[in-house]
Amino acid sequence: MKKRSGDIVYSTNPDFDYGQEESIKTLPPQQQNLRIMLDKKQRRGKKVTLIIGFIGAEDDLLTLSKQLKTACGVGGSAKDNEILIQGDFREKILQLLQKQGYKAKLAGG
């Protein structure tokens, strides 16, 4: 989560920097526990592959999302530490993530 500088109104610390943000470090692939599931809820019956559990910076999430979308040849999105890939590509994504060293497993029914 990003901290907004507008949250702090006053500080008694003379060295306090109002513009500083905490940077989230991305865990290495071996320490990531990703879950891959199929989702149809609130999507008018259309299936999407949902990858949850990513811990890291937004840029790294977008990079991984781009790799998966390109490999599957479909669209999708990435936000809030979740990657959404259009269509049912659970098995293909599982193999791709395991090749890259991620700890990934299928979840859901």
C-alpha atoms as a PDB file:
ATOM      1  CA  MET A   1       0.000   0.000   0.000  1.00  0.00           C
ATOM      2  CA  LYS A   2       1.265   3.446  -0.817  1.00  0.00           C
ATOM      3  CA  LYS A   3       1.405   6.067   1.862  1.00  0.00           C
ATOM      4  CA  ARG A   4       0.098   9.442   0.900  1.00  0.00           C
ATOM      5  CA  SER A   5       2.044  12.408   2.155  1.00  0.00           C
ATOM      6  CA  GLY A   6      -1.262  14.118   2.971  1.00  0.00           C
ATOM      7  CA  ASP A   7      -1.935  11.734   5.868  1.00  0.00           C
ATOM      8  CA  ILE A   8       0.507  13.507   8.198  1.00  0.00           C
ATOM      9  CA  VAL A   9      -0.629  16.911   9.306  1.00  0.00           C
ATOM     10  CA  TYR A  10       2.113  17.864  11.753  1.00  0.00           C
ATOM     11  CA  SER A  11       5.364  16.373  13.057  1.00  0.00           C
ATOM     12  CA  THR A  12       7.545  17.568  15.926  1.00  0.00           C
ATOM     13  CA  ASN A  13      10.588  15.875  14.377  1.00  0.00           C
ATOM     14  CA  PRO A  14      12.696  18.564  12.622  1.00  0.00           C
ATOM     15  CA  ASP A  15      14.283  15.920  10.325  1.00  0.00           C
ATOM     16  CA  PHE A  16      10.968  14.411   9.206  1.00  0.00           C
ATOM     17  CA  ASP A  17      10.561  14.142   5.421  1.00  0.00           C
ATOM     18  CA  TYR A  18       6.928  14.480   4.353  1.00  0.00           C
ATOM     19  CA  GLY A  19       7.628  13.055   0.893  1.00  0.00           C
ATOM     20  CA  GLN A  20       9.133   9.723   1.951  1.00  0.00           C
ATOM     21  CA  GLU A  21       7.366   6.499   1.020  1.00  0.00           C
ATOM     22  CA  GLU A  22       8.033   2.981   2.181  1.00  0.00           C
ATOM     23  CA  SER A  23       9.164   0.864  -0.713  1.00  0.00           C
ATOM     24  CA  ILE A  24       7.900  -2.685  -0.769  1.00  0.00           C
ATOM     25  CA  LYS A  25      10.589  -5.236  -1.510  1.00  0.00           C
ATOM     26  CA  THR A  26       9.682  -8.040  -3.880  1.00  0.00           C
ATOM     27  CA  LEU A  27      10.279 -11.492  -2.480  1.00  0.00           C
ATOM     28  CA  PRO A  28      12.366 -13.849  -4.629  1.00  0.00           C
ATOM     29  CA  PRO A  29      10.347 -16.379  -6.678  1.00  0.00           C
ATOM     30  CA  GLN A  30      11.291 -19.252  -4.333  1.00  0.00           C
ATOM     31  CA  GLN A  31       9.575 -17.472  -1.429  1.00  0.00           C
ATOM     32  CA  GLN A  32       6.393 -16.494  -3.287  1.00  0.00           C
ATOM     33  CA  ASN A  33       3.333 -18.660  -2.584  1.00  0.00           C
ATOM     34  CA  LEU A  34       1.058 -18.089  -5.557  1.00  0.00           C
ATOM     35  CA  ARG A  35      -2.427 -19.559  -5.931  1.00  0.00           C
ATOM     36  CA  ILE A  36      -3.930 -20.034  -9.385  1.00  0.00           C
ATOM     37  CA  MET A  37      -7.712 -20.289  -9.614  1.00  0.00           C
ATOM     38  CA  LEU A  38     -10.550 -20.006 -12.078  1.00  0.00           C
ATOM     39  CA  ASP A  39     -13.056 -17.251 -11.428  1.00  0.00           C
ATOM     40  CA  LYS A  40     -16.441 -16.472 -13.028  1.00  0.00           C
ATOM     41  CA  LYS A  41     -18.054 -14.337 -10.356  1.00  0.00           C
ATOM     42  CA  GLN A  42     -19.499 -10.998 -11.497  1.00  0.00           C
ATOM     43  CA  ARG A  43     -18.055 -11.445 -14.970  1.00  0.00           C
ATOM     44  CA  ARG A  44     -21.241 -12.376 -16.868  1.00  0.00           C
ATOM     45  CA  GLY A  45     -20.203 -16.038 -17.031  1.00  0.00           C
ATOM     46  CA  LYS A  46     -16.837 -15.340 -18.640  1.00  0.00           C
ATOM     47  CA  LYS A  47     -13.921 -17.276 -17.192  1.00  0.00           C
ATOM     48  CA  VAL A  48     -10.715 -15.663 -15.980  1.00  0.00           C
ATOM     49  CA  THR A  49      -7.583 -17.135 -14.436  1.00  0.00           C
ATOM     50  CA  LEU A  50      -6.759 -15.382 -11.171  1.00  0.00           C
ATOM     51  CA  ILE A  51      -3.284 -15.467  -9.615  1.00  0.00           C
ATOM     52  CA  ILE A  52      -3.202 -14.298  -6.003  1.00  0.00           C
ATOM     53  CA  GLY A  53      -0.575 -14.125  -3.286  1.00  0.00           C
ATOM     54  CA  PHE A  54       2.100 -12.020  -5.001  1.00  0.00           C
ATOM     55  CA  ILE A  55       4.173 -10.062  -2.503  1.00  0.00           C
ATOM     56  CA  GLY A  56       6.230  -7.251  -3.934  1.00  0.00           C
ATOM     57  CA  ALA A  57       6.446  -3.996  -5.808  1.00  0.00           C
ATOM     58  CA  GLU A  58       3.810  -2.929  -8.303  1.00  0.00           C
ATOM     59  CA  ASP A  59       6.380  -2.781 -11.124  1.00  0.00           C
ATOM     60  CA  ASP A  60       7.372  -6.421 -10.578  1.00  0.00           C
ATOM     61  CA  LEU A  61       3.705  -7.432 -10.541  1.00  0.00           C
ATOM     62  CA  LEU A  62       3.142  -5.657 -13.856  1.00  0.00           C
ATOM     63  CA  THR A  63       6.232  -7.301 -15.363  1.00  0.00           C
ATOM     64  CA  LEU A  64       5.087 -10.794 -14.351  1.00  0.00           C
ATOM     65  CA  SER A  65       1.583 -10.032 -15.622  1.00  0.00           C
ATOM     66  CA  LYS A  66       2.956  -8.923 -18.988  1.00  0.00           C
ATOM     67  CA  GLN A  67       4.985 -12.143 -19.302  1.00  0.00           C
ATOM     68  CA  LEU A  68       1.967 -14.324 -18.546  1.00  0.00           C
ATOM     69  CA  LYS A  69      -0.364 -12.420 -20.881  1.00  0.00           C
ATOM     70  CA  THR A  70       2.174 -12.616 -23.712  1.00  0.00           C
ATOM     71  CA  ALA A  71       2.749 -16.348 -23.186  1.00  0.00           C
ATOM     72  CA  CYS A  72      -1.001 -17.052 -23.226  1.00  0.00           C
ATOM     73  CA  GLY A  73      -1.733 -14.598 -26.043  1.00  0.00           C
ATOM     74  CA  VAL A  74      -4.621 -12.935 -24.213  1.00  0.00           C
ATOM     75  CA  GLY A  75      -5.397  -9.798 -22.256  1.00  0.00           C
ATOM     76  CA  GLY A  76      -5.657  -9.233 -18.561  1.00  0.00           C
ATOM     77  CA  SER A  77      -4.815  -6.862 -15.762  1.00  0.00           C
ATOM     78  CA  ALA A  78      -2.760  -6.601 -12.596  1.00  0.00           C
ATOM     79  CA  LYS A  79      -3.612  -4.666  -9.457  1.00  0.00           C
ATOM     80  CA  ASP A  80      -3.831  -5.113  -5.694  1.00  0.00           C
ATOM     81  CA  ASN A  81      -1.258  -7.960  -5.812  1.00  0.00           C
ATOM     82  CA  GLU A  82      -3.518  -9.998  -8.113  1.00  0.00           C
ATOM     83  CA  ILE A  83      -3.074 -10.916 -11.748  1.00  0.00           C
ATOM     84  CA  LEU A  84      -6.138 -11.489 -13.898  1.00  0.00           C
ATOM     85  CA  ILE A  85      -5.736 -13.371 -17.200  1.00  0.00           C
ATOM     86  CA  GLN A  86      -8.704 -13.651 -19.560  1.00  0.00           C
ATOM     87  CA  GLY A  87      -9.718 -17.265 -20.183  1.00  0.00           C
ATOM     88  CA  ASP A  88      -8.931 -20.599 -18.537  1.00  0.00           C
ATOM     89  CA  PHE A  89      -5.131 -20.979 -18.644  1.00  0.00           C
ATOM     90  CA  ARG A  90      -4.524 -22.513 -15.206  1.00  0.00           C
ATOM     91  CA  GLU A  91      -2.322 -25.413 -16.326  1.00  0.00           C
ATOM     92  CA  LYS A  92      -0.244 -23.319 -18.724  1.00  0.00           C
ATOM     93  CA  ILE A  93       0.314 -20.572 -16.154  1.00  0.00           C
ATOM     94  CA  LEU A  94       1.209 -23.152 -13.492  1.00  0.00           C
ATOM     95  CA  GLN A  95       3.923 -24.582 -15.750  1.00  0.00           C
ATOM     96  CA  LEU A  96       5.238 -21.107 -16.678  1.00  0.00           C
ATOM     97  CA  LEU A  97       5.449 -19.985 -13.052  1.00  0.00           C
ATOM     98  CA  GLN A  98       7.156 -23.194 -11.921  1.00  0.00           C
ATOM     99  CA  LYS A  99       9.732 -22.824 -14.727  1.00  0.00           C
ATOM    100  CA  GLN A 100      10.550 -19.356 -13.381  1.00  0.00           C
ATOM    101  CA  GLY A 101      11.036 -20.787  -9.879  1.00  0.00           C
ATOM    102  CA  TYR A 102       7.798 -19.649  -8.238  1.00  0.00           C
ATOM    103  CA  LYS A 103       6.040 -21.854  -5.694  1.00  0.00           C
ATOM    104  CA  ALA A 104       2.621 -22.022  -7.339  1.00  0.00           C
ATOM    105  CA  LYS A 105      -0.313 -24.364  -6.984  1.00  0.00           C
ATOM    106  CA  LEU A 106      -3.831 -24.687  -8.260  1.00  0.00           C
ATOM    107  CA  ALA A 107      -6.527 -23.599  -5.843  1.00  0.00           C
ATOM    108  CA  GLY A 108     -10.295 -23.670  -5.873  1.00  0.00           C
ATOM    109  CA  GLY A 109     -12.607 -26.132  -7.579  1.00  0.00           C
END
